[in-house]
C-alpha cells in the first residue's frame, strides 16, 4: 500500500472505507462505493482498505468495527462514521469538501 500520508494529503476529498472480506456489511458497501466514485469522478477519491492486510494503520486510526468510513481533505480528517451509508448521502458529504 502507498504511504498513508500520500493517500490523504491531496486537494480532493478522499473517502476511505476500512473493511474485511468476511464481513457482510463491508461487502454490502462495495457497490455503494463504486456508485460514489462514478458519480464524483476525479472530484474525489474512494479507497478501500482491508483492515486484515493493514493492521498497523487500522490500529493507529483506532478502527474498532467495519465498515468504518472516513473523509480526509488535504491530510485532515473531516468526517468519520462506523457503519453503512447510502450512496447519495456519501456523495453529499463529499461534495461539501470539493
Foldseek 3Di string as FASTA:
>chain_A
DPPPQVQQQDAAKEKEWEAAPPDPQQVVCVVLLVVLCVVCPPNYHYYYHHCVVVVVVCVVVVPDAPGKIWMGHNSHTDDIDHGDDGNVVVNVVRVVRD
